[in-house]
Amino acid sequence: MNRITTLCPKTYNDAQAVGRAIREGIPVVLNLSNVEDEKTAYRIVDFSAGVVFGLQGSIERVTPRVFILSPAQVSIDGGSNKNTNHDPFVN
């Protein structure tokens, strides 16, 4: 791995870039700060998590609206997040 890409989608259609990057083996910092509609933010996270799951990668929350997604060949060591009870993106 020689690079990480940062994506700041504004619409659901912008989420396709996440899939392309992860398929190419590029880790992604997904910043949802520019997504105004909470439903759209949920959909982007759901899509991204599906892509990562399908490719056996991983996803970790950094802040309430920033995530790190990595392909299978890249490990994320972020510790455990035990305080997810009030997390709007976790059921």
PDB file of N, CA and C in Angstrom:
ATOM      1  N   MET A   1       0.842  -1.174   0.000  1.00  0.00           N
ATOM      2  CA  MET A   1       0.000   0.000   0.000  1.00  0.00           C
ATOM      3  C   MET A   1       0.886   1.234   0.000  1.00  0.00           C
ATOM      4  N   ASN A   2       0.607   2.121  -0.913  1.00  0.00           N
ATOM      5  CA  ASN A   2       1.403   3.340  -0.956  1.00  0.00           C
ATOM      6  C   ASN A   2       0.546   4.604  -0.936  1.00  0.00           C
ATOM      7  N   ARG A   3      -0.786   4.444  -0.749  1.00  0.00           N
ATOM      8  CA  ARG A   3      -1.608   5.645  -0.648  1.00  0.00           C
ATOM      9  C   ARG A   3      -2.938   5.338   0.039  1.00  0.00           C
ATOM     10  N   ILE A   4      -3.537   6.376   0.549  1.00  0.00           N
ATOM     11  CA  ILE A   4      -4.873   6.353   1.127  1.00  0.00           C
ATOM     12  C   ILE A   4      -5.630   7.491   0.472  1.00  0.00           C
ATOM     13  N   THR A   5      -6.886   7.250   0.138  1.00  0.00           N
ATOM     14  CA  THR A   5      -7.665   8.312  -0.485  1.00  0.00           C
ATOM     15  C   THR A   5      -8.718   8.829   0.500  1.00  0.00           C
ATOM     16  N   THR A   6      -9.004  10.110   0.428  1.00  0.00           N
ATOM     17  CA  THR A   6     -10.048  10.722   1.240  1.00  0.00           C
ATOM     18  C   THR A   6     -11.206  11.090   0.331  1.00  0.00           C
ATOM     19  N   LEU A   7     -12.399  10.653   0.714  1.00  0.00           N
ATOM     20  CA  LEU A   7     -13.586  10.953  -0.074  1.00  0.00           C
ATOM     21  C   LEU A   7     -14.570  11.726   0.793  1.00  0.00           C
ATOM     22  N   CYS A   8     -15.144  12.772   0.218  1.00  0.00           N
ATOM     23  CA  CYS A   8     -16.123  13.620   0.902  1.00  0.00           C
ATOM     24  C   CYS A   8     -17.382  13.704   0.043  1.00  0.00           C
ATOM     25  N   PRO A   9     -18.186  12.651   0.035  1.00  0.00           N
ATOM     26  CA  PRO A   9     -19.373  12.659  -0.825  1.00  0.00           C
ATOM     27  C   PRO A   9     -20.394  13.688  -0.362  1.00  0.00           C
ATOM     28  N   LYS A  10     -21.200  14.138  -1.309  1.00  0.00           N
ATOM     29  CA  LYS A  10     -22.304  15.044  -0.999  1.00  0.00           C
ATOM     30  C   LYS A  10     -23.641  14.369  -1.276  1.00  0.00           C
ATOM     31  N   THR A  11     -23.639  13.412  -2.218  1.00  0.00           N
ATOM     32  CA  THR A  11     -24.852  12.687  -2.574  1.00  0.00           C
ATOM     33  C   THR A  11     -24.570  11.193  -2.553  1.00  0.00           C
ATOM     34  N   TYR A  12     -25.642  10.412  -2.590  1.00  0.00           N
ATOM     35  CA  TYR A  12     -25.501   8.957  -2.594  1.00  0.00           C
ATOM     36  C   TYR A  12     -24.717   8.480  -3.814  1.00  0.00           C
ATOM     37  N   ASN A  13     -24.905   9.112  -4.943  1.00  0.00           N
ATOM     38  CA  ASN A  13     -24.196   8.706  -6.163  1.00  0.00           C
ATOM     39  C   ASN A  13     -22.683   8.834  -6.021  1.00  0.00           C
ATOM     40  N   ASP A  14     -22.223   9.723  -5.160  1.00  0.00           N
ATOM     41  CA  ASP A  14     -20.789   9.889  -4.937  1.00  0.00           C
ATOM     42  C   ASP A  14     -20.173   8.687  -4.229  1.00  0.00           C
ATOM     43  N   ALA A  15     -21.004   7.838  -3.622  1.00  0.00           N
ATOM     44  CA  ALA A  15     -20.503   6.683  -2.871  1.00  0.00           C
ATOM     45  C   ALA A  15     -19.849   5.639  -3.775  1.00  0.00           C
ATOM     46  N   GLN A  16     -20.124   5.676  -5.051  1.00  0.00           N
ATOM     47  CA  GLN A  16     -19.515   4.717  -5.970  1.00  0.00           C
ATOM     48  C   GLN A  16     -17.993   4.793  -5.939  1.00  0.00           C
ATOM     49  N   ALA A  17     -17.464   5.952  -5.657  1.00  0.00           N
ATOM     50  CA  ALA A  17     -16.006   6.117  -5.582  1.00  0.00           C
ATOM     51  C   ALA A  17     -15.416   5.267  -4.460  1.00  0.00           C
ATOM     52  N   VAL A  18     -16.188   5.043  -3.401  1.00  0.00           N
ATOM     53  CA  VAL A  18     -15.728   4.183  -2.315  1.00  0.00           C
ATOM     54  C   VAL A  18     -15.517   2.771  -2.840  1.00  0.00           C
ATOM     55  N   GLY A  19     -16.498   2.262  -3.547  1.00  0.00           N
ATOM     56  CA  GLY A  19     -16.404   0.914  -4.106  1.00  0.00           C
ATOM     57  C   GLY A  19     -15.229   0.760  -5.044  1.00  0.00           C
ATOM     58  N   ARG A  20     -15.032   1.745  -5.900  1.00  0.00           N
ATOM     59  CA  ARG A  20     -13.904   1.671  -6.846  1.00  0.00           C
ATOM     60  C   ARG A  20     -12.567   1.632  -6.115  1.00  0.00           C
ATOM     61  N   ALA A  21     -12.407   2.491  -5.116  1.00  0.00           N
ATOM     62  CA  ALA A  21     -11.134   2.545  -4.387  1.00  0.00           C
ATOM     63  C   ALA A  21     -10.869   1.239  -3.640  1.00  0.00           C
ATOM     64  N   ILE A  22     -11.865   0.739  -2.921  1.00  0.00           N
ATOM     65  CA  ILE A  22     -11.682  -0.493  -2.153  1.00  0.00           C
ATOM     66  C   ILE A  22     -11.393  -1.673  -3.080  1.00  0.00           C
ATOM     67  N   ARG A  23     -12.076  -1.753  -4.215  1.00  0.00           N
ATOM     68  CA  ARG A  23     -11.796  -2.821  -5.190  1.00  0.00           C
ATOM     69  C   ARG A  23     -10.372  -2.764  -5.698  1.00  0.00           C
ATOM     70  N   GLU A  24      -9.822  -1.554  -5.803  1.00  0.00           N
ATOM     71  CA  GLU A  24      -8.445  -1.387  -6.265  1.00  0.00           C
ATOM     72  C   GLU A  24      -7.427  -1.573  -5.145  1.00  0.00           C
ATOM     73  N   GLY A  25      -7.892  -1.872  -3.933  1.00  0.00           N
ATOM     74  CA  GLY A  25      -6.993  -2.106  -2.812  1.00  0.00           C
ATOM     75  C   GLY A  25      -6.525  -0.847  -2.118  1.00  0.00           C
ATOM     76  N   ILE A  26      -7.248   0.256  -2.306  1.00  0.00           N
ATOM     77  CA  ILE A  26      -6.872   1.542  -1.724  1.00  0.00           C
ATOM     78  C   ILE A  26      -7.737   1.820  -0.494  1.00  0.00           C
ATOM     79  N   PRO A  27      -7.146   1.995   0.683  1.00  0.00           N
ATOM     80  CA  PRO A  27      -7.920   2.374   1.864  1.00  0.00           C
ATOM     81  C   PRO A  27      -8.567   3.746   1.670  1.00  0.00           C
ATOM     82  N   VAL A  28      -9.710   3.944   2.312  1.00  0.00           N
ATOM     83  CA  VAL A  28     -10.492   5.170   2.144  1.00  0.00           C
ATOM     84  C   VAL A  28     -10.795   5.805   3.497  1.00  0.00           C
ATOM     85  N   VAL A  29     -10.568   7.104   3.590  1.00  0.00           N
ATOM     86  CA  VAL A  29     -11.093   7.894   4.695  1.00  0.00           C
ATOM     87  C   VAL A  29     -12.376   8.510   4.147  1.00  0.00           C
ATOM     88  N   LEU A  30     -13.507   8.096   4.713  1.00  0.00           N
ATOM     89  CA  LEU A  30     -14.817   8.545   4.249  1.00  0.00           C
ATOM     90  C   LEU A  30     -15.329   9.620   5.191  1.00  0.00           C
ATOM     91  N   ASN A  31     -15.403  10.854   4.701  1.00  0.00           N
ATOM     92  CA  ASN A  31     -15.831  11.991   5.495  1.00  0.00           C
ATOM     93  C   ASN A  31     -17.241  12.392   5.051  1.00  0.00           C
ATOM     94  N   LEU A  32     -18.211  12.197   5.928  1.00  0.00           N
ATOM     95  CA  LEU A  32     -19.608  12.490   5.604  1.00  0.00           C
ATOM     96  C   LEU A  32     -20.062  13.858   6.079  1.00  0.00           C
ATOM     97  N   SER A  33     -19.143  14.712   6.436  1.00  0.00           N
ATOM     98  CA  SER A  33     -19.473  16.043   6.945  1.00  0.00           C
ATOM     99  C   SER A  33     -20.245  16.890   5.943  1.00  0.00           C
ATOM    100  N   ASN A  34     -20.067  16.647   4.659  1.00  0.00           N
ATOM    101  CA  ASN A  34     -20.744  17.442   3.629  1.00  0.00           C
ATOM    102  C   ASN A  34     -22.109  16.892   3.246  1.00  0.00           C
ATOM    103  N   VAL A  35     -22.518  15.776   3.851  1.00  0.00           N
ATOM    104  CA  VAL A  35     -23.822  15.185   3.555  1.00  0.00           C
ATOM    105  C   VAL A  35     -24.831  15.789   4.516  1.00  0.00           C
ATOM    106  N   GLU A  36     -25.724  16.600   3.988  1.00  0.00           N
ATOM    107  CA  GLU A  36     -26.671  17.322   4.836  1.00  0.00           C
ATOM    108  C   GLU A  36     -27.822  16.438   5.316  1.00  0.00           C
ATOM    109  N   ASP A  37     -28.295  15.554   4.462  1.00  0.00           N
ATOM    110  CA  ASP A  37     -29.434  14.698   4.779  1.00  0.00           C
ATOM    111  C   ASP A  37     -28.960  13.447   5.519  1.00  0.00           C
ATOM    112  N   GLU A  38     -29.470  13.235   6.723  1.00  0.00           N
ATOM    113  CA  GLU A  38     -29.032  12.095   7.528  1.00  0.00           C
ATOM    114  C   GLU A  38     -29.372  10.762   6.872  1.00  0.00           C
ATOM    115  N   LYS A  39     -30.512  10.671   6.175  1.00  0.00           N
ATOM    116  CA  LYS A  39     -30.869   9.438   5.464  1.00  0.00           C
ATOM    117  C   LYS A  39     -29.830   9.101   4.403  1.00  0.00           C
ATOM    118  N   THR A  40     -29.367  10.108   3.703  1.00  0.00           N
ATOM    119  CA  THR A  40     -28.343   9.894   2.682  1.00  0.00           C
ATOM    120  C   THR A  40     -27.046   9.427   3.322  1.00  0.00           C
ATOM    121  N   ALA A  41     -26.683  10.013   4.446  1.00  0.00           N
ATOM    122  CA  ALA A  41     -25.473   9.585   5.154  1.00  0.00           C
ATOM    123  C   ALA A  41     -25.591   8.119   5.560  1.00  0.00           C
ATOM    124  N   TYR A  42     -26.760   7.708   6.079  1.00  0.00           N
ATOM    125  CA  TYR A  42     -26.984   6.306   6.424  1.00  0.00           C
ATOM    126  C   TYR A  42     -26.808   5.408   5.204  1.00  0.00           C
ATOM    127  N   ARG A  43     -27.385   5.814   4.085  1.00  0.00           N
ATOM    128  CA  ARG A  43     -27.299   5.006   2.865  1.00  0.00           C
ATOM    129  C   ARG A  43     -25.859   4.859   2.394  1.00  0.00           C
ATOM    130  N   ILE A  44     -25.081   5.935   2.490  1.00  0.00           N
ATOM    131  CA  ILE A  44     -23.673   5.874   2.074  1.00  0.00           C
ATOM    132  C   ILE A  44     -22.896   4.930   2.984  1.00  0.00           C
ATOM    133  N   VAL A  45     -23.126   5.021   4.288  1.00  0.00           N
ATOM    134  CA  VAL A  45     -22.450   4.113   5.220  1.00  0.00           C
ATOM    135  C   VAL A  45     -22.876   2.674   4.944  1.00  0.00           C
ATOM    136  N   ASP A  46     -24.166   2.453   4.714  1.00  0.00           N
ATOM    137  CA  ASP A  46     -24.671   1.112   4.433  1.00  0.00           C
ATOM    138  C   ASP A  46     -24.041   0.546   3.161  1.00  0.00           C
ATOM    139  N   PHE A  47     -24.010   1.338   2.106  1.00  0.00           N
ATOM    140  CA  PHE A  47     -23.381   0.912   0.854  1.00  0.00           C
ATOM    141  C   PHE A  47     -21.911   0.592   1.069  1.00  0.00           C
ATOM    142  N   SER A  48     -21.208   1.489   1.748  1.00  0.00           N
ATOM    143  CA  SER A  48     -19.772   1.326   1.980  1.00  0.00           C
ATOM    144  C   SER A  48     -19.485   0.087   2.819  1.00  0.00           C
ATOM    145  N   ALA A  49     -20.290  -0.123   3.846  1.00  0.00           N
ATOM    146  CA  ALA A  49     -20.114  -1.314   4.684  1.00  0.00           C
ATOM    147  C   ALA A  49     -20.366  -2.582   3.881  1.00  0.00           C
ATOM    148  N   GLY A  50     -21.336  -2.547   2.985  1.00  0.00           N
ATOM    149  CA  GLY A  50     -21.607  -3.700   2.126  1.00  0.00           C
ATOM    150  C   GLY A  50     -20.446  -4.014   1.201  1.00  0.00           C
ATOM    151  N   VAL A  51     -19.871  -2.981   0.619  1.00  0.00           N
ATOM    152  CA  VAL A  51     -18.708  -3.163  -0.254  1.00  0.00           C
ATOM    153  C   VAL A  51     -17.555  -3.775   0.524  1.00  0.00           C
ATOM    154  N   VAL A  52     -17.282  -3.204   1.683  1.00  0.00           N
ATOM    155  CA  VAL A  52     -16.166  -3.679   2.509  1.00  0.00           C
ATOM    156  C   VAL A  52     -16.413  -5.122   2.945  1.00  0.00           C
ATOM    157  N   PHE A  53     -17.637  -5.426   3.362  1.00  0.00           N
ATOM    158  CA  PHE A  53     -17.970  -6.782   3.789  1.00  0.00           C
ATOM    159  C   PHE A  53     -17.795  -7.763   2.633  1.00  0.00           C
ATOM    160  N   GLY A  54     -18.304  -7.389   1.470  1.00  0.00           N
ATOM    161  CA  GLY A  54     -18.206  -8.256   0.299  1.00  0.00           C
ATOM    162  C   GLY A  54     -16.782  -8.545  -0.123  1.00  0.00           C
ATOM    163  N   LEU A  55     -15.885  -7.619   0.147  1.00  0.00           N
ATOM    164  CA  LEU A  55     -14.480  -7.791  -0.227  1.00  0.00           C
ATOM    165  C   LEU A  55     -13.617  -8.184   0.976  1.00  0.00           C
ATOM    166  N   GLN A  56     -14.267  -8.558   2.075  1.00  0.00           N
ATOM    167  CA  GLN A  56     -13.609  -9.027   3.299  1.00  0.00           C
ATOM    168  C   GLN A  56     -12.658  -8.000   3.897  1.00  0.00           C
ATOM    169  N   GLY A  57     -13.015  -6.731   3.771  1.00  0.00           N
ATOM    170  CA  GLY A  57     -12.216  -5.661   4.363  1.00  0.00           C
ATOM    171  C   GLY A  57     -12.752  -5.296   5.723  1.00  0.00           C
ATOM    172  N   SER A  58     -12.497  -4.063   6.143  1.00  0.00           N
ATOM    173  CA  SER A  58     -12.979  -3.620   7.452  1.00  0.00           C
ATOM    174  C   SER A  58     -13.345  -2.140   7.408  1.00  0.00           C
ATOM    175  N   ILE A  59     -14.166  -1.755   8.369  1.00  0.00           N
ATOM    176  CA  ILE A  59     -14.599  -0.369   8.496  1.00  0.00           C
ATOM    177  C   ILE A  59     -14.518   0.011   9.969  1.00  0.00           C
ATOM    178  N   GLU A  60     -14.004   1.196  10.230  1.00  0.00           N
ATOM    179  CA  GLU A  60     -13.879   1.706  11.597  1.00  0.00           C
ATOM    180  C   GLU A  60     -14.332   3.158  11.623  1.00  0.00           C
ATOM    181  N   ARG A  61     -15.017   3.513  12.696  1.00  0.00           N
ATOM    182  CA  ARG A  61     -15.438   4.900  12.887  1.00  0.00           C
ATOM    183  C   ARG A  61     -14.293   5.682  13.533  1.00  0.00           C
ATOM    184  N   VAL A  62     -14.021   6.879  13.015  1.00  0.00           N
ATOM    185  CA  VAL A  62     -13.009   7.759  13.581  1.00  0.00           C
ATOM    186  C   VAL A  62     -13.706   8.848  14.396  1.00  0.00           C
ATOM    187  N   THR A  63     -14.719   9.474  13.805  1.00  0.00           N
ATOM    188  CA  THR A  63     -15.564  10.458  14.470  1.00  0.00           C
ATOM    189  C   THR A  63     -17.000  10.122  14.069  1.00  0.00           C
ATOM    190  N   PRO A  64     -18.005  10.816  14.590  1.00  0.00           N
ATOM    191  CA  PRO A  64     -19.381  10.488  14.203  1.00  0.00           C
ATOM    192  C   PRO A  64     -19.647  10.525  12.695  1.00  0.00           C
ATOM    193  N   ARG A  65     -18.875  11.271  11.931  1.00  0.00           N
ATOM    194  CA  ARG A  65     -19.102  11.347  10.485  1.00  0.00           C
ATOM    195  C   ARG A  65     -17.884  11.019   9.643  1.00  0.00           C
ATOM    196  N   VAL A  66     -16.885  10.404  10.238  1.00  0.00           N
ATOM    197  CA  VAL A  66     -15.680  10.021   9.498  1.00  0.00           C
ATOM    198  C   VAL A  66     -15.377   8.552   9.782  1.00  0.00           C
ATOM    199  N   PHE A  67     -15.133   7.801   8.705  1.00  0.00           N
ATOM    200  CA  PHE A  67     -14.860   6.375   8.793  1.00  0.00           C
ATOM    201  C   PHE A  67     -13.590   6.050   8.019  1.00  0.00           C
ATOM    202  N   ILE A  68     -12.919   4.985   8.440  1.00  0.00           N
ATOM    203  CA  ILE A  68     -11.803   4.439   7.668  1.00  0.00           C
ATOM    204  C   ILE A  68     -12.260   3.088   7.148  1.00  0.00           C
ATOM    205  N   LEU A  69     -12.144   2.909   5.839  1.00  0.00           N
ATOM    206  CA  LEU A  69     -12.491   1.650   5.200  1.00  0.00           C
ATOM    207  C   LEU A  69     -11.231   1.072   4.589  1.00  0.00           C
ATOM    208  N   SER A  70     -11.021  -0.206   4.784  1.00  0.00           N
ATOM    209  CA  SER A  70      -9.807  -0.790   4.233  1.00  0.00           C
ATOM    210  C   SER A  70     -10.118  -2.098   3.536  1.00  0.00           C
ATOM    211  N   PRO A  71      -9.374  -2.384   2.475  1.00  0.00           N
ATOM    212  CA  PRO A  71      -9.517  -3.665   1.793  1.00  0.00           C
ATOM    213  C   PRO A  71      -8.943  -4.781   2.664  1.00  0.00           C
ATOM    214  N   ALA A  72      -9.164  -6.017   2.259  1.00  0.00           N
ATOM    215  CA  ALA A  72      -8.768  -7.175   3.061  1.00  0.00           C
ATOM    216  C   ALA A  72      -7.278  -7.198   3.388  1.00  0.00           C
ATOM    217  N   GLN A  73      -6.450  -6.747   2.479  1.00  0.00           N
ATOM    218  CA  GLN A  73      -5.002  -6.845   2.681  1.00  0.00           C
ATOM    219  C   GLN A  73      -4.429  -5.756   3.586  1.00  0.00           C
ATOM    220  N   VAL A  74      -5.277  -4.847   4.081  1.00  0.00           N
ATOM    221  CA  VAL A  74      -4.819  -3.764   4.958  1.00  0.00           C
ATOM    222  C   VAL A  74      -5.541  -3.883   6.290  1.00  0.00           C
ATOM    223  N   SER A  75      -4.793  -3.944   7.381  1.00  0.00           N
ATOM    224  CA  SER A  75      -5.380  -4.050   8.718  1.00  0.00           C
ATOM    225  C   SER A  75      -5.523  -2.670   9.341  1.00  0.00           C
ATOM    226  N   ILE A  76      -6.602  -2.511  10.100  1.00  0.00           N
ATOM    227  CA  ILE A  76      -6.813  -1.285  10.861  1.00  0.00           C
ATOM    228  C   ILE A  76      -6.716  -1.666  12.329  1.00  0.00           C
ATOM    229  N   ASP A  77      -5.846  -0.998  13.062  1.00  0.00           N
ATOM    230  CA  ASP A  77      -5.723  -1.225  14.493  1.00  0.00           C
ATOM    231  C   ASP A  77      -6.167   0.040  15.198  1.00  0.00           C
ATOM    232  N   GLY A  78      -7.468   0.122  15.448  1.00  0.00           N
ATOM    233  CA  GLY A  78      -8.005   1.328  16.060  1.00  0.00           C
ATOM    234  C   GLY A  78      -8.511   1.111  17.460  1.00  0.00           C
ATOM    235  N   GLY A  79      -8.276  -0.058  18.022  1.00  0.00           N
ATOM    236  CA  GLY A  79      -8.812  -0.341  19.344  1.00  0.00           C
ATOM    237  C   GLY A  79     -10.289  -0.623  19.255  1.00  0.00           C
ATOM    238  N   SER A  80     -10.931  -0.781  20.382  1.00  0.00           N
ATOM    239  CA  SER A  80     -12.363  -1.060  20.361  1.00  0.00           C
ATOM    240  C   SER A  80     -13.138   0.165  20.792  1.00  0.00           C
ATOM    241  N   ASN A  81     -14.283   0.345  20.179  1.00  0.00           N
ATOM    242  CA  ASN A  81     -15.168   1.445  20.524  1.00  0.00           C
ATOM    243  C   ASN A  81     -16.326   0.870  21.317  1.00  0.00           C
ATOM    244  N   LYS A  82     -16.257   0.963  22.643  1.00  0.00           N
ATOM    245  CA  LYS A  82     -17.258   0.341  23.501  1.00  0.00           C
ATOM    246  C   LYS A  82     -18.470   1.222  23.721  1.00  0.00           C
ATOM    247  N   ASN A  83     -18.408   2.473  23.359  1.00  0.00           N
ATOM    248  CA  ASN A  83     -19.496   3.401  23.626  1.00  0.00           C
ATOM    249  C   ASN A  83     -20.278   3.688  22.351  1.00  0.00           C
ATOM    250  N   THR A  84     -21.026   2.676  21.868  1.00  0.00           N
ATOM    251  CA  THR A  84     -21.783   2.846  20.629  1.00  0.00           C
ATOM    252  C   THR A  84     -23.284   2.887  20.871  1.00  0.00           C
ATOM    253  N   ASN A  85     -23.741   2.930  22.123  1.00  0.00           N
ATOM    254  CA  ASN A  85     -25.172   2.908  22.406  1.00  0.00           C
ATOM    255  C   ASN A  85     -25.912   4.110  21.835  1.00  0.00           C
ATOM    256  N   HIS A  86     -25.288   5.253  21.753  1.00  0.00           N
ATOM    257  CA  HIS A  86     -25.939   6.448  21.235  1.00  0.00           C
ATOM    258  C   HIS A  86     -25.517   6.743  19.800  1.00  0.00           C
ATOM    259  N   ASP A  87     -24.877   5.794  19.172  1.00  0.00           N
ATOM    260  CA  ASP A  87     -24.339   5.965  17.833  1.00  0.00           C
ATOM    261  C   ASP A  87     -25.451   5.848  16.784  1.00  0.00           C
ATOM    262  N   PRO A  88     -25.739   6.889  16.012  1.00  0.00           N
ATOM    263  CA  PRO A  88     -26.832   6.825  15.048  1.00  0.00           C
ATOM    264  C   PRO A  88     -26.573   5.901  13.861  1.00  0.00           C
ATOM    265  N   PHE A  89     -25.331   5.473  13.647  1.00  0.00           N
ATOM    266  CA  PHE A  89     -25.026   4.609  12.515  1.00  0.00           C
ATOM    267  C   PHE A  89     -24.900   3.143  12.922  1.00  0.00           C
ATOM    268  N   VAL A  90     -25.080   2.836  14.187  1.00  0.00           N
ATOM    269  CA  VAL A  90     -24.969   1.463  14.663  1.00  0.00           C
ATOM    270  C   VAL A  90     -26.281   1.064  15.279  1.00  0.00           C
ATOM    271  N   ASN A  91     -26.811  -0.074  14.834  1.00  0.00           N
ATOM    272  CA  ASN A  91     -28.073  -0.590  15.405  1.00  0.00           C
ATOM    273  C   ASN A  91     -27.792  -1.426  16.622  1.00  0.00           C
TER     274      ASN A  91
END
